[in-house]
Amino acid sequence: MRLAGILVNGPAGRDGLVRTIKKRVLRKLFGRKPEPLTGTPAIRRMKTYSAQTGYVYQYFYEGHRGPEYVFSVSSDRKQWNHVSVMQNDAAIREWEHEHGRELSSTERYAIAKMALFAAFDERSTTALMKDAIQVGPAEVASITGTLEL
């Protein structure tokens, strides 16, 4: 029993294990929680996208927190995953500097949505859709060109 206490980085025995469990519980309860999402639509509308990979995805826009846009995504309507589209602030500022104007919130949402569609088309399996989507300078330039912004 004393060796088990060593493995949990506490004093030997049951007390060390109990202390470690209490620390984890307190961290989970009182740890830093993410900011709430803003821009959440009053009525969520499920939308569908037929990807080039052959999958048909259903998705909801959940809202955003800063440069992160969050979507709920499913390929079978049974399992839903949150997918984050992370816009690189430096890439957005670079585009705004080159074009002499700021992107509106609607335009930033459009960039996030087009990046989501690109991920639907490029990622070969639905399991890969759980990973966050990063939008860098090349993606911003490509998407804004496609949208003719």
C-alpha atoms as a PDB file:
ATOM      1  CA  MET A   1       0.000   0.000   0.000  1.00  0.00           C
ATOM      2  CA  ARG A   2       2.886   2.381   0.674  1.00  0.00           C
ATOM      3  CA  LEU A   3       4.167   2.016  -2.910  1.00  0.00           C
ATOM      4  CA  ALA A   4       0.782   3.070  -4.279  1.00  0.00           C
ATOM      5  CA  GLY A   5       1.063   6.291  -2.283  1.00  0.00           C
ATOM      6  CA  ILE A   6       4.384   7.053  -3.942  1.00  0.00           C
ATOM      7  CA  LEU A   7       2.788   6.689  -7.387  1.00  0.00           C
ATOM      8  CA  VAL A   8       0.272   9.465  -6.725  1.00  0.00           C
ATOM      9  CA  ASN A   9       2.925  11.985  -5.690  1.00  0.00           C
ATOM     10  CA  GLY A  10       1.765  12.233  -2.109  1.00  0.00           C
ATOM     11  CA  PRO A  11       2.613  10.805   1.247  1.00  0.00           C
ATOM     12  CA  ALA A  12       2.627   7.058   1.425  1.00  0.00           C
ATOM     13  CA  GLY A  13      -0.690   5.345   2.014  1.00  0.00           C
ATOM     14  CA  ARG A  14      -4.340   6.077   1.578  1.00  0.00           C
ATOM     15  CA  ASP A  15      -4.106   9.730   2.690  1.00  0.00           C
ATOM     16  CA  GLY A  16      -1.974  10.657  -0.304  1.00  0.00           C
ATOM     17  CA  LEU A  17      -4.460   9.107  -2.718  1.00  0.00           C
ATOM     18  CA  VAL A  18      -7.380  10.890  -1.044  1.00  0.00           C
ATOM     19  CA  ARG A  19      -5.524  14.221  -1.184  1.00  0.00           C
ATOM     20  CA  THR A  20      -4.797  13.746  -4.909  1.00  0.00           C
ATOM     21  CA  ILE A  21      -8.445  12.939  -5.678  1.00  0.00           C
ATOM     22  CA  LYS A  22      -9.636  15.993  -3.700  1.00  0.00           C
ATOM     23  CA  LYS A  23      -7.192  18.219  -5.587  1.00  0.00           C
ATOM     24  CA  ARG A  24      -8.481  16.963  -8.963  1.00  0.00           C
ATOM     25  CA  VAL A  25     -12.123  17.426  -7.958  1.00  0.00           C
ATOM     26  CA  LEU A  26     -11.501  20.968  -6.710  1.00  0.00           C
ATOM     27  CA  ARG A  27      -9.559  21.849  -9.862  1.00  0.00           C
ATOM     28  CA  LYS A  28     -12.445  20.591 -12.009  1.00  0.00           C
ATOM     29  CA  LEU A  29     -15.079  22.468  -9.985  1.00  0.00           C
ATOM     30  CA  PHE A  30     -13.227  25.737  -9.503  1.00  0.00           C
ATOM     31  CA  GLY A  31     -10.781  25.734 -12.417  1.00  0.00           C
ATOM     32  CA  ARG A  32     -10.917  28.312 -15.148  1.00  0.00           C
ATOM     33  CA  LYS A  33     -13.929  27.814 -17.357  1.00  0.00           C
ATOM     34  CA  PRO A  34     -14.027  28.956 -20.988  1.00  0.00           C
ATOM     35  CA  GLU A  35     -15.813  32.180 -21.849  1.00  0.00           C
ATOM     36  CA  PRO A  36     -19.432  31.743 -22.914  1.00  0.00           C
ATOM     37  CA  LEU A  37     -20.185  31.808 -26.624  1.00  0.00           C
ATOM     38  CA  THR A  38     -21.615  35.021 -28.077  1.00  0.00           C
ATOM     39  CA  GLY A  39     -23.542  35.549 -31.278  1.00  0.00           C
ATOM     40  CA  THR A  40     -25.590  32.412 -30.737  1.00  0.00           C
ATOM     41  CA  PRO A  41     -28.653  32.519 -32.989  1.00  0.00           C
ATOM     42  CA  ALA A  42     -32.023  32.796 -31.226  1.00  0.00           C
ATOM     43  CA  ILE A  43     -33.291  29.857 -33.281  1.00  0.00           C
ATOM     44  CA  ARG A  44     -30.748  27.216 -34.269  1.00  0.00           C
ATOM     45  CA  ARG A  45     -31.175  25.984 -37.832  1.00  0.00           C
ATOM     46  CA  MET A  46     -29.705  22.693 -38.916  1.00  0.00           C
ATOM     47  CA  LYS A  47     -27.960  23.015 -42.236  1.00  0.00           C
ATOM     48  CA  THR A  48     -26.589  20.340 -44.541  1.00  0.00           C
ATOM     49  CA  TYR A  49     -23.395  20.172 -46.602  1.00  0.00           C
ATOM     50  CA  SER A  50     -22.532  17.445 -49.131  1.00  0.00           C
ATOM     51  CA  ALA A  51     -18.761  17.116 -49.017  1.00  0.00           C
ATOM     52  CA  GLN A  52     -16.496  16.041 -51.856  1.00  0.00           C
ATOM     53  CA  THR A  53     -15.497  13.066 -49.693  1.00  0.00           C
ATOM     54  CA  GLY A  54     -18.996  11.633 -50.105  1.00  0.00           C
ATOM     55  CA  TYR A  55     -20.155  12.351 -46.563  1.00  0.00           C
ATOM     56  CA  VAL A  56     -23.220  14.484 -45.950  1.00  0.00           C
ATOM     57  CA  TYR A  57     -22.737  16.626 -42.861  1.00  0.00           C
ATOM     58  CA  GLN A  58     -25.351  18.354 -40.750  1.00  0.00           C
ATOM     59  CA  TYR A  59     -24.226  21.317 -38.690  1.00  0.00           C
ATOM     60  CA  PHE A  60     -25.418  24.064 -36.371  1.00  0.00           C
ATOM     61  CA  TYR A  61     -23.663  27.342 -35.670  1.00  0.00           C
ATOM     62  CA  GLU A  62     -23.251  27.574 -31.889  1.00  0.00           C
ATOM     63  CA  GLY A  63     -21.563  30.978 -31.576  1.00  0.00           C
ATOM     64  CA  HIS A  64     -18.085  32.419 -31.141  1.00  0.00           C
ATOM     65  CA  ARG A  65     -15.663  33.546 -28.469  1.00  0.00           C
ATOM     66  CA  GLY A  66     -13.113  35.920 -29.911  1.00  0.00           C
ATOM     67  CA  PRO A  67     -11.404  34.310 -32.924  1.00  0.00           C
ATOM     68  CA  GLU A  68     -12.955  30.878 -32.229  1.00  0.00           C
ATOM     69  CA  TYR A  69     -16.162  29.966 -34.085  1.00  0.00           C
ATOM     70  CA  VAL A  70     -17.923  26.850 -32.784  1.00  0.00           C
ATOM     71  CA  PHE A  71     -20.128  24.519 -34.825  1.00  0.00           C
ATOM     72  CA  SER A  72     -21.939  21.305 -33.839  1.00  0.00           C
ATOM     73  CA  VAL A  73     -21.285  18.762 -36.580  1.00  0.00           C
ATOM     74  CA  SER A  74     -22.632  15.296 -37.372  1.00  0.00           C
ATOM     75  CA  SER A  75     -22.376  12.913 -40.287  1.00  0.00           C
ATOM     76  CA  ASP A  76     -25.109  10.550 -39.050  1.00  0.00           C
ATOM     77  CA  ARG A  77     -27.383  12.749 -36.872  1.00  0.00           C
ATOM     78  CA  LYS A  78     -26.658  10.429 -33.948  1.00  0.00           C
ATOM     79  CA  GLN A  79     -23.274  11.614 -32.721  1.00  0.00           C
ATOM     80  CA  TRP A  80     -22.610  15.330 -32.571  1.00  0.00           C
ATOM     81  CA  ASN A  81     -19.212  16.938 -31.997  1.00  0.00           C
ATOM     82  CA  HIS A  82     -18.226  20.531 -31.415  1.00  0.00           C
ATOM     83  CA  VAL A  83     -15.778  21.713 -34.051  1.00  0.00           C
ATOM     84  CA  SER A  84     -13.815  24.919 -33.484  1.00  0.00           C
ATOM     85  CA  VAL A  85     -12.689  27.096 -36.365  1.00  0.00           C
ATOM     86  CA  MET A  86      -9.770  29.152 -35.064  1.00  0.00           C
ATOM     87  CA  GLN A  87      -9.023  32.328 -37.007  1.00  0.00           C
ATOM     88  CA  ASN A  88      -5.464  33.564 -36.692  1.00  0.00           C
ATOM     89  CA  ASP A  89      -5.707  37.198 -35.514  1.00  0.00           C
ATOM     90  CA  ALA A  90      -2.414  38.088 -37.216  1.00  0.00           C
ATOM     91  CA  ALA A  91      -3.720  36.733 -40.538  1.00  0.00           C
ATOM     92  CA  ILE A  92      -6.929  38.769 -40.215  1.00  0.00           C
ATOM     93  CA  ARG A  93      -4.974  41.941 -39.291  1.00  0.00           C
ATOM     94  CA  GLU A  94      -2.637  41.368 -42.251  1.00  0.00           C
ATOM     95  CA  TRP A  95      -5.583  41.130 -44.660  1.00  0.00           C
ATOM     96  CA  GLU A  96      -7.187  44.241 -43.131  1.00  0.00           C
ATOM     97  CA  HIS A  97      -3.901  46.176 -43.427  1.00  0.00           C
ATOM     98  CA  GLU A  98      -3.457  45.160 -47.085  1.00  0.00           C
ATOM     99  CA  HIS A  99      -7.031  46.091 -48.005  1.00  0.00           C
ATOM    100  CA  GLY A 100      -7.308  49.221 -45.859  1.00  0.00           C
ATOM    101  CA  ARG A 101     -10.463  48.206 -44.025  1.00  0.00           C
ATOM    102  CA  GLU A 102     -11.667  46.001 -41.200  1.00  0.00           C
ATOM    103  CA  LEU A 103     -13.582  42.795 -41.803  1.00  0.00           C
ATOM    104  CA  SER A 104     -17.111  42.949 -40.426  1.00  0.00           C
ATOM    105  CA  SER A 105     -18.377  40.321 -38.013  1.00  0.00           C
ATOM    106  CA  THR A 106     -20.470  38.848 -40.848  1.00  0.00           C
ATOM    107  CA  GLU A 107     -17.394  38.578 -43.071  1.00  0.00           C
ATOM    108  CA  ARG A 108     -15.415  36.896 -40.293  1.00  0.00           C
ATOM    109  CA  TYR A 109     -18.281  34.417 -39.817  1.00  0.00           C
ATOM    110  CA  ALA A 110     -18.261  33.759 -43.574  1.00  0.00           C
ATOM    111  CA  ILE A 111     -14.522  32.990 -43.423  1.00  0.00           C
ATOM    112  CA  ALA A 112     -15.142  30.539 -40.569  1.00  0.00           C
ATOM    113  CA  LYS A 113     -17.987  28.841 -42.416  1.00  0.00           C
ATOM    114  CA  MET A 114     -15.993  28.521 -45.643  1.00  0.00           C
ATOM    115  CA  ALA A 115     -13.077  27.062 -43.665  1.00  0.00           C
ATOM    116  CA  LEU A 116     -15.517  24.529 -42.169  1.00  0.00           C
ATOM    117  CA  PHE A 117     -16.687  23.586 -45.684  1.00  0.00           C
ATOM    118  CA  ALA A 118     -13.076  23.205 -46.829  1.00  0.00           C
ATOM    119  CA  ALA A 119     -12.425  20.858 -43.892  1.00  0.00           C
ATOM    120  CA  PHE A 120     -15.533  18.843 -44.823  1.00  0.00           C
ATOM    121  CA  ASP A 121     -14.131  18.502 -48.360  1.00  0.00           C
ATOM    122  CA  GLU A 122     -10.509  17.779 -47.407  1.00  0.00           C
ATOM    123  CA  ARG A 123     -10.704  15.522 -44.333  1.00  0.00           C
ATOM    124  CA  SER A 124     -11.072  11.928 -45.459  1.00  0.00           C
ATOM    125  CA  THR A 125     -12.944  10.565 -42.426  1.00  0.00           C
ATOM    126  CA  THR A 126     -15.543  11.903 -40.046  1.00  0.00           C
ATOM    127  CA  ALA A 127     -13.245  11.127 -37.098  1.00  0.00           C
ATOM    128  CA  LEU A 128     -10.875  13.847 -38.331  1.00  0.00           C
ATOM    129  CA  MET A 129     -13.660  16.432 -37.980  1.00  0.00           C
ATOM    130  CA  LYS A 130     -13.135  16.423 -34.200  1.00  0.00           C
ATOM    131  CA  ASP A 131      -9.864  18.336 -34.631  1.00  0.00           C
ATOM    132  CA  ALA A 132      -9.912  22.138 -34.589  1.00  0.00           C
ATOM    133  CA  ILE A 133      -9.674  23.922 -37.926  1.00  0.00           C
ATOM    134  CA  GLN A 134      -6.889  26.509 -38.133  1.00  0.00           C
ATOM    135  CA  VAL A 135      -7.372  29.481 -40.473  1.00  0.00           C
ATOM    136  CA  GLY A 136      -4.005  31.029 -41.340  1.00  0.00           C
ATOM    137  CA  PRO A 137      -2.924  33.744 -43.792  1.00  0.00           C
ATOM    138  CA  ALA A 138      -3.133  31.485 -46.864  1.00  0.00           C
ATOM    139  CA  GLU A 139      -6.660  30.369 -45.987  1.00  0.00           C
ATOM    140  CA  VAL A 140      -7.804  33.940 -45.282  1.00  0.00           C
ATOM    141  CA  ALA A 141      -6.456  35.100 -48.664  1.00  0.00           C
ATOM    142  CA  SER A 142      -8.032  32.164 -50.491  1.00  0.00           C
ATOM    143  CA  ILE A 143     -11.428  32.446 -48.824  1.00  0.00           C
ATOM    144  CA  THR A 144     -11.681  36.245 -49.148  1.00  0.00           C
ATOM    145  CA  GLY A 145     -10.740  35.866 -52.818  1.00  0.00           C
ATOM    146  CA  THR A 146     -13.477  33.275 -53.322  1.00  0.00           C
ATOM    147  CA  LEU A 147     -15.984  35.519 -51.538  1.00  0.00           C
ATOM    148  CA  GLU A 148     -14.729  38.548 -53.517  1.00  0.00           C
ATOM    149  CA  LEU A 149     -14.268  40.664 -50.404  1.00  0.00           C
END
